Amino acid sequence: MQVRNSSSNFGAVSIVVHWLVAFTVFGLFGLGYYMVGLSYYDDWYRLAPDIHRSLGILLFLVVLFRVVWRFANPAPEPLPSHTRWEVTSAHFVHVLLYILLFVAMVSGYLISTADGSSISVFNWFEVPSVTGQVKGMEDIAGDIHYWATWAIVIVASLHALAAVKHHILDKDNTLRRMLGVSR
């Protein structure tokens, strides 16, 4: 398998980063969903948010890399069997997912740094607050984060269902190309 994308297939970097982002996003969503139900006396009450924030910062870096890689390495051409509306819809959904990801990650950062504190990423490095203390910012950012993450999960699920539709009903290479096994 080639490292870079070709006109007909995704390269190894695009495939690995796609699945890394997908699994991380759903993992972070699950962890976030779990976290909101924790009580003060739960063992995970302090640990889960630290893990969530650290993975969120690392995900931000990976998604930034993915955007740069995408511009330097255009996606393969659509399959000839794809209709114009499918190509347009796929492009719209990809752009929407990128926007929602950045909205979720920036709002998550603003929740955590609203009091002026930095975010420690697995004790490897610190990401400082760029806003300082802003009263009430965590509430606004929290609402945005909540709705953006739900939107990501819904749109990404529809994206996955479309790939399954292409695989099962259309019997084309759409899903296989992102798995690296196209024929």
C-alpha atoms as a PDB file:
ATOM      1  CA  MET A   1       0.000   0.000   0.000  1.00  0.00           C
ATOM      2  CA  GLN A   2       1.289   3.427  -0.907  1.00  0.00           C
ATOM      3  CA  VAL A   3       1.830   6.123   1.736  1.00  0.00           C
ATOM      4  CA  ARG A   4       0.181   8.925  -0.245  1.00  0.00           C
ATOM      5  CA  ASN A   5      -3.237   8.992  -1.892  1.00  0.00           C
ATOM      6  CA  SER A   6      -3.470   8.121  -5.555  1.00  0.00           C
ATOM      7  CA  SER A   7      -6.195   9.137  -7.983  1.00  0.00           C
ATOM      8  CA  SER A   8      -8.000   5.869  -7.233  1.00  0.00           C
ATOM      9  CA  ASN A   9      -7.098   4.908  -3.641  1.00  0.00           C
ATOM     10  CA  PHE A  10      -6.391   6.374  -0.236  1.00  0.00           C
ATOM     11  CA  GLY A  11      -2.842   6.035   1.041  1.00  0.00           C
ATOM     12  CA  ALA A  12      -1.779   4.520   4.349  1.00  0.00           C
ATOM     13  CA  VAL A  13      -1.485   7.884   6.123  1.00  0.00           C
ATOM     14  CA  SER A  14      -5.023   8.963   5.182  1.00  0.00           C
ATOM     15  CA  ILE A  15      -6.454   5.594   6.176  1.00  0.00           C
ATOM     16  CA  VAL A  16      -4.671   5.379   9.532  1.00  0.00           C
ATOM     17  CA  VAL A  17      -5.481   8.978  10.458  1.00  0.00           C
ATOM     18  CA  HIS A  18      -9.142   8.571   9.396  1.00  0.00           C
ATOM     19  CA  TRP A  19      -9.668   5.542  11.633  1.00  0.00           C
ATOM     20  CA  LEU A  20      -7.602   7.009  14.490  1.00  0.00           C
ATOM     21  CA  VAL A  21      -9.787  10.127  14.483  1.00  0.00           C
ATOM     22  CA  ALA A  22     -13.002   8.089  14.172  1.00  0.00           C
ATOM     23  CA  PHE A  23     -12.229   5.760  17.083  1.00  0.00           C
ATOM     24  CA  THR A  24     -10.895   8.600  19.237  1.00  0.00           C
ATOM     25  CA  VAL A  25     -13.966  10.765  18.617  1.00  0.00           C
ATOM     26  CA  PHE A  26     -16.363   7.975  19.565  1.00  0.00           C
ATOM     27  CA  GLY A  27     -14.180   7.038  22.544  1.00  0.00           C
ATOM     28  CA  LEU A  28     -14.105  10.637  23.759  1.00  0.00           C
ATOM     29  CA  PHE A  29     -17.862  10.906  23.295  1.00  0.00           C
ATOM     30  CA  GLY A  30     -18.384   7.757  25.364  1.00  0.00           C
ATOM     31  CA  LEU A  31     -15.982   8.958  28.053  1.00  0.00           C
ATOM     32  CA  GLY A  32     -17.649  12.375  28.134  1.00  0.00           C
ATOM     33  CA  TYR A  33     -21.081  10.800  28.388  1.00  0.00           C
ATOM     34  CA  TYR A  34     -19.822   8.623  31.262  1.00  0.00           C
ATOM     35  CA  MET A  35     -18.104  11.542  33.016  1.00  0.00           C
ATOM     36  CA  VAL A  36     -21.199  13.689  33.424  1.00  0.00           C
ATOM     37  CA  GLY A  37     -22.790  11.025  35.594  1.00  0.00           C
ATOM     38  CA  LEU A  38     -19.878  10.694  38.005  1.00  0.00           C
ATOM     39  CA  SER A  39     -20.243  11.777  41.611  1.00  0.00           C
ATOM     40  CA  TYR A  40     -17.594  13.695  43.536  1.00  0.00           C
ATOM     41  CA  TYR A  41     -16.651  10.523  45.420  1.00  0.00           C
ATOM     42  CA  ASP A  42     -16.225   8.348  42.344  1.00  0.00           C
ATOM     43  CA  ASP A  43     -12.624   7.268  41.661  1.00  0.00           C
ATOM     44  CA  TRP A  44     -12.904   8.440  38.048  1.00  0.00           C
ATOM     45  CA  TYR A  45     -14.253  11.899  38.991  1.00  0.00           C
ATOM     46  CA  ARG A  46     -10.831  13.564  38.581  1.00  0.00           C
ATOM     47  CA  LEU A  47      -9.081  11.053  36.327  1.00  0.00           C
ATOM     48  CA  ALA A  48     -11.678  10.831  33.538  1.00  0.00           C
ATOM     49  CA  PRO A  49     -11.691  14.583  32.774  1.00  0.00           C
ATOM     50  CA  ASP A  50      -7.868  14.612  32.701  1.00  0.00           C
ATOM     51  CA  ILE A  51      -7.863  11.758  30.192  1.00  0.00           C
ATOM     52  CA  HIS A  52     -10.658  13.415  28.182  1.00  0.00           C
ATOM     53  CA  ARG A  53      -8.828  16.764  28.019  1.00  0.00           C
ATOM     54  CA  SER A  54      -5.473  15.169  27.182  1.00  0.00           C
ATOM     55  CA  LEU A  55      -6.926  13.054  24.382  1.00  0.00           C
ATOM     56  CA  GLY A  56      -8.875  16.082  23.129  1.00  0.00           C
ATOM     57  CA  ILE A  57      -5.677  18.149  22.801  1.00  0.00           C
ATOM     58  CA  LEU A  58      -3.881  15.284  21.032  1.00  0.00           C
ATOM     59  CA  LEU A  59      -6.899  14.817  18.756  1.00  0.00           C
ATOM     60  CA  PHE A  60      -6.742  18.529  17.892  1.00  0.00           C
ATOM     61  CA  LEU A  61      -3.142  18.074  16.752  1.00  0.00           C
ATOM     62  CA  VAL A  62      -4.029  14.977  14.710  1.00  0.00           C
ATOM     63  CA  VAL A  63      -6.986  16.719  13.035  1.00  0.00           C
ATOM     64  CA  LEU A  64      -4.778  19.728  12.222  1.00  0.00           C
ATOM     65  CA  PHE A  65      -2.294  17.305  10.639  1.00  0.00           C
ATOM     66  CA  ARG A  66      -5.157  15.641   8.773  1.00  0.00           C
ATOM     67  CA  VAL A  67      -6.335  18.941   7.291  1.00  0.00           C
ATOM     68  CA  VAL A  68      -2.788  19.832   6.160  1.00  0.00           C
ATOM     69  CA  TRP A  69      -2.331  16.302   4.764  1.00  0.00           C
ATOM     70  CA  ARG A  70      -5.624  16.569   2.914  1.00  0.00           C
ATOM     71  CA  PHE A  71      -4.569  19.794   1.179  1.00  0.00           C
ATOM     72  CA  ALA A  72      -1.140  18.387   0.322  1.00  0.00           C
ATOM     73  CA  ASN A  73      -2.601  15.037  -0.656  1.00  0.00           C
ATOM     74  CA  PRO A  74      -5.994  15.313  -2.378  1.00  0.00           C
ATOM     75  CA  ALA A  75      -8.518  12.534  -1.910  1.00  0.00           C
ATOM     76  CA  PRO A  76      -8.975  10.000  -4.707  1.00  0.00           C
ATOM     77  CA  GLU A  77     -11.428  10.796  -7.471  1.00  0.00           C
ATOM     78  CA  PRO A  78     -15.022   9.743  -6.803  1.00  0.00           C
ATOM     79  CA  LEU A  79     -15.964   6.388  -8.240  1.00  0.00           C
ATOM     80  CA  PRO A  80     -17.632   6.589 -11.663  1.00  0.00           C
ATOM     81  CA  SER A  81     -20.777   4.994 -10.227  1.00  0.00           C
ATOM     82  CA  HIS A  82     -21.282   7.844  -7.737  1.00  0.00           C
ATOM     83  CA  THR A  83     -24.000  10.273  -8.694  1.00  0.00           C
ATOM     84  CA  ARG A  84     -23.496  14.033  -8.561  1.00  0.00           C
ATOM     85  CA  TRP A  85     -25.640  14.356  -5.425  1.00  0.00           C
ATOM     86  CA  GLU A  86     -23.613  11.622  -3.671  1.00  0.00           C
ATOM     87  CA  VAL A  87     -20.346  13.394  -4.456  1.00  0.00           C
ATOM     88  CA  THR A  88     -21.746  16.762  -3.348  1.00  0.00           C
ATOM     89  CA  SER A  89     -23.247  15.236  -0.184  1.00  0.00           C
ATOM     90  CA  ALA A  90     -19.999  13.474   0.700  1.00  0.00           C
ATOM     91  CA  HIS A  91     -18.029  16.702   0.277  1.00  0.00           C
ATOM     92  CA  PHE A  92     -20.548  18.634   2.404  1.00  0.00           C
ATOM     93  CA  VAL A  93     -20.490  15.979   5.148  1.00  0.00           C
ATOM     94  CA  HIS A  94     -16.684  15.941   5.264  1.00  0.00           C
ATOM     95  CA  VAL A  95     -16.507  19.738   5.553  1.00  0.00           C
ATOM     96  CA  LEU A  96     -19.250  19.690   8.194  1.00  0.00           C
ATOM     97  CA  LEU A  97     -17.400  17.038  10.210  1.00  0.00           C
ATOM     98  CA  TYR A  98     -14.182  19.078  10.156  1.00  0.00           C
ATOM     99  CA  ILE A  99     -16.051  22.204  11.276  1.00  0.00           C
ATOM    100  CA  LEU A 100     -17.869  20.328  14.050  1.00  0.00           C
ATOM    101  CA  LEU A 101     -14.635  18.697  15.220  1.00  0.00           C
ATOM    102  CA  PHE A 102     -12.897  22.051  15.541  1.00  0.00           C
ATOM    103  CA  VAL A 103     -15.936  23.610  17.255  1.00  0.00           C
ATOM    104  CA  ALA A 104     -16.032  20.710  19.742  1.00  0.00           C
ATOM    105  CA  MET A 105     -12.303  20.801  20.419  1.00  0.00           C
ATOM    106  CA  VAL A 106     -12.078  24.590  20.789  1.00  0.00           C
ATOM    107  CA  SER A 107     -15.156  24.712  23.024  1.00  0.00           C
ATOM    108  CA  GLY A 108     -13.735  21.872  25.134  1.00  0.00           C
ATOM    109  CA  TYR A 109     -10.496  23.822  25.486  1.00  0.00           C
ATOM    110  CA  LEU A 110     -12.447  26.948  26.503  1.00  0.00           C
ATOM    111  CA  ILE A 111     -14.401  25.003  29.146  1.00  0.00           C
ATOM    112  CA  SER A 112     -11.179  23.788  30.716  1.00  0.00           C
ATOM    113  CA  THR A 113      -9.285  27.092  30.546  1.00  0.00           C
ATOM    114  CA  ALA A 114     -12.105  29.513  31.456  1.00  0.00           C
ATOM    115  CA  ASP A 115     -10.614  29.930  34.924  1.00  0.00           C
ATOM    116  CA  GLY A 116      -7.232  30.851  33.441  1.00  0.00           C
ATOM    117  CA  SER A 117      -5.601  27.488  34.149  1.00  0.00           C
ATOM    118  CA  SER A 118      -3.662  25.462  31.619  1.00  0.00           C
ATOM    119  CA  ILE A 119      -4.365  21.926  30.451  1.00  0.00           C
ATOM    120  CA  SER A 120      -1.819  19.262  31.303  1.00  0.00           C
ATOM    121  CA  VAL A 121      -1.583  16.680  28.535  1.00  0.00           C
ATOM    122  CA  PHE A 122      -0.729  13.405  30.302  1.00  0.00           C
ATOM    123  CA  ASN A 123       1.925  15.384  32.230  1.00  0.00           C
ATOM    124  CA  TRP A 124       3.941  15.579  28.983  1.00  0.00           C
ATOM    125  CA  PHE A 125       3.317  19.278  28.315  1.00  0.00           C
ATOM    126  CA  GLU A 126       0.959  22.101  29.253  1.00  0.00           C
ATOM    127  CA  VAL A 127      -1.392  24.034  26.983  1.00  0.00           C
ATOM    128  CA  PRO A 128      -1.897  27.494  28.514  1.00  0.00           C
ATOM    129  CA  SER A 129      -5.125  29.453  28.631  1.00  0.00           C
ATOM    130  CA  VAL A 130      -5.266  32.081  25.900  1.00  0.00           C
ATOM    131  CA  THR A 131      -8.247  33.867  27.428  1.00  0.00           C
ATOM    132  CA  GLY A 132      -7.320  34.184  31.087  1.00  0.00           C
ATOM    133  CA  GLN A 133     -10.239  34.173  33.481  1.00  0.00           C
ATOM    134  CA  VAL A 134     -13.567  34.800  31.766  1.00  0.00           C
ATOM    135  CA  LYS A 135     -16.596  34.583  34.000  1.00  0.00           C
ATOM    136  CA  GLY A 136     -19.351  32.342  32.599  1.00  0.00           C
ATOM    137  CA  MET A 137     -17.323  31.198  29.575  1.00  0.00           C
ATOM    138  CA  GLU A 138     -17.354  27.572  30.700  1.00  0.00           C
ATOM    139  CA  ASP A 139     -21.169  27.549  30.645  1.00  0.00           C
ATOM    140  CA  ILE A 140     -21.443  28.938  27.102  1.00  0.00           C
ATOM    141  CA  ALA A 141     -18.577  26.773  25.851  1.00  0.00           C
ATOM    142  CA  GLY A 142     -20.141  23.791  27.630  1.00  0.00           C
ATOM    143  CA  ASP A 143     -23.421  24.194  25.764  1.00  0.00           C
ATOM    144  CA  ILE A 144     -21.592  24.543  22.453  1.00  0.00           C
ATOM    145  CA  HIS A 145     -19.417  21.516  23.257  1.00  0.00           C
ATOM    146  CA  TYR A 146     -22.457  19.427  24.190  1.00  0.00           C
ATOM    147  CA  TRP A 147     -24.368  20.150  20.970  1.00  0.00           C
ATOM    148  CA  ALA A 148     -21.298  19.961  18.709  1.00  0.00           C
ATOM    149  CA  THR A 149     -20.336  16.531  20.037  1.00  0.00           C
ATOM    150  CA  TRP A 150     -23.853  15.181  19.583  1.00  0.00           C
ATOM    151  CA  ALA A 151     -23.869  16.601  16.058  1.00  0.00           C
ATOM    152  CA  ILE A 152     -20.514  14.916  15.321  1.00  0.00           C
ATOM    153  CA  VAL A 153     -21.792  11.544  16.485  1.00  0.00           C
ATOM    154  CA  ILE A 154     -24.991  11.859  14.444  1.00  0.00           C
ATOM    155  CA  VAL A 155     -23.278  13.098  11.266  1.00  0.00           C
ATOM    156  CA  ALA A 156     -20.435  10.559  11.600  1.00  0.00           C
ATOM    157  CA  SER A 157     -22.976   7.767  12.080  1.00  0.00           C
ATOM    158  CA  LEU A 158     -24.806   8.847   8.914  1.00  0.00           C
ATOM    159  CA  HIS A 159     -21.423   8.964   7.157  1.00  0.00           C
ATOM    160  CA  ALA A 160     -20.730   5.391   8.283  1.00  0.00           C
ATOM    161  CA  LEU A 161     -24.193   4.251   7.193  1.00  0.00           C
ATOM    162  CA  ALA A 162     -23.584   5.770   3.758  1.00  0.00           C
ATOM    163  CA  ALA A 163     -20.320   3.805   3.494  1.00  0.00           C
ATOM    164  CA  VAL A 164     -22.153   0.605   4.452  1.00  0.00           C
ATOM    165  CA  LYS A 165     -24.859   1.402   1.876  1.00  0.00           C
ATOM    166  CA  HIS A 166     -22.176   1.744  -0.792  1.00  0.00           C
ATOM    167  CA  HIS A 167     -20.633  -1.554   0.287  1.00  0.00           C
ATOM    168  CA  ILE A 168     -23.783  -3.663   0.637  1.00  0.00           C
ATOM    169  CA  LEU A 169     -26.323  -2.152  -1.751  1.00  0.00           C
ATOM    170  CA  ASP A 170     -24.148  -0.517  -4.407  1.00  0.00           C
ATOM    171  CA  LYS A 171     -21.378  -3.122  -4.109  1.00  0.00           C
ATOM    172  CA  ASP A 172     -18.749  -0.511  -4.924  1.00  0.00           C
ATOM    173  CA  ASN A 173     -15.277   0.216  -3.533  1.00  0.00           C
ATOM    174  CA  THR A 174     -16.177   3.226  -1.369  1.00  0.00           C
ATOM    175  CA  LEU A 175     -15.681   1.462   1.974  1.00  0.00           C
ATOM    176  CA  ARG A 176     -12.910  -0.812   0.711  1.00  0.00           C
ATOM    177  CA  ARG A 177     -10.849   2.221  -0.308  1.00  0.00           C
ATOM    178  CA  MET A 178     -10.916   3.528   3.276  1.00  0.00           C
ATOM    179  CA  LEU A 179     -10.030   0.074   4.567  1.00  0.00           C
ATOM    180  CA  GLY A 180      -7.095  -0.185   2.160  1.00  0.00           C
ATOM    181  CA  VAL A 181      -8.456  -3.305   0.445  1.00  0.00           C
ATOM    182  CA  SER A 182     -10.017  -2.017  -2.769  1.00  0.00           C
ATOM    183  CA  ARG A 183     -10.050  -4.330  -5.746  1.00  0.00           C
END
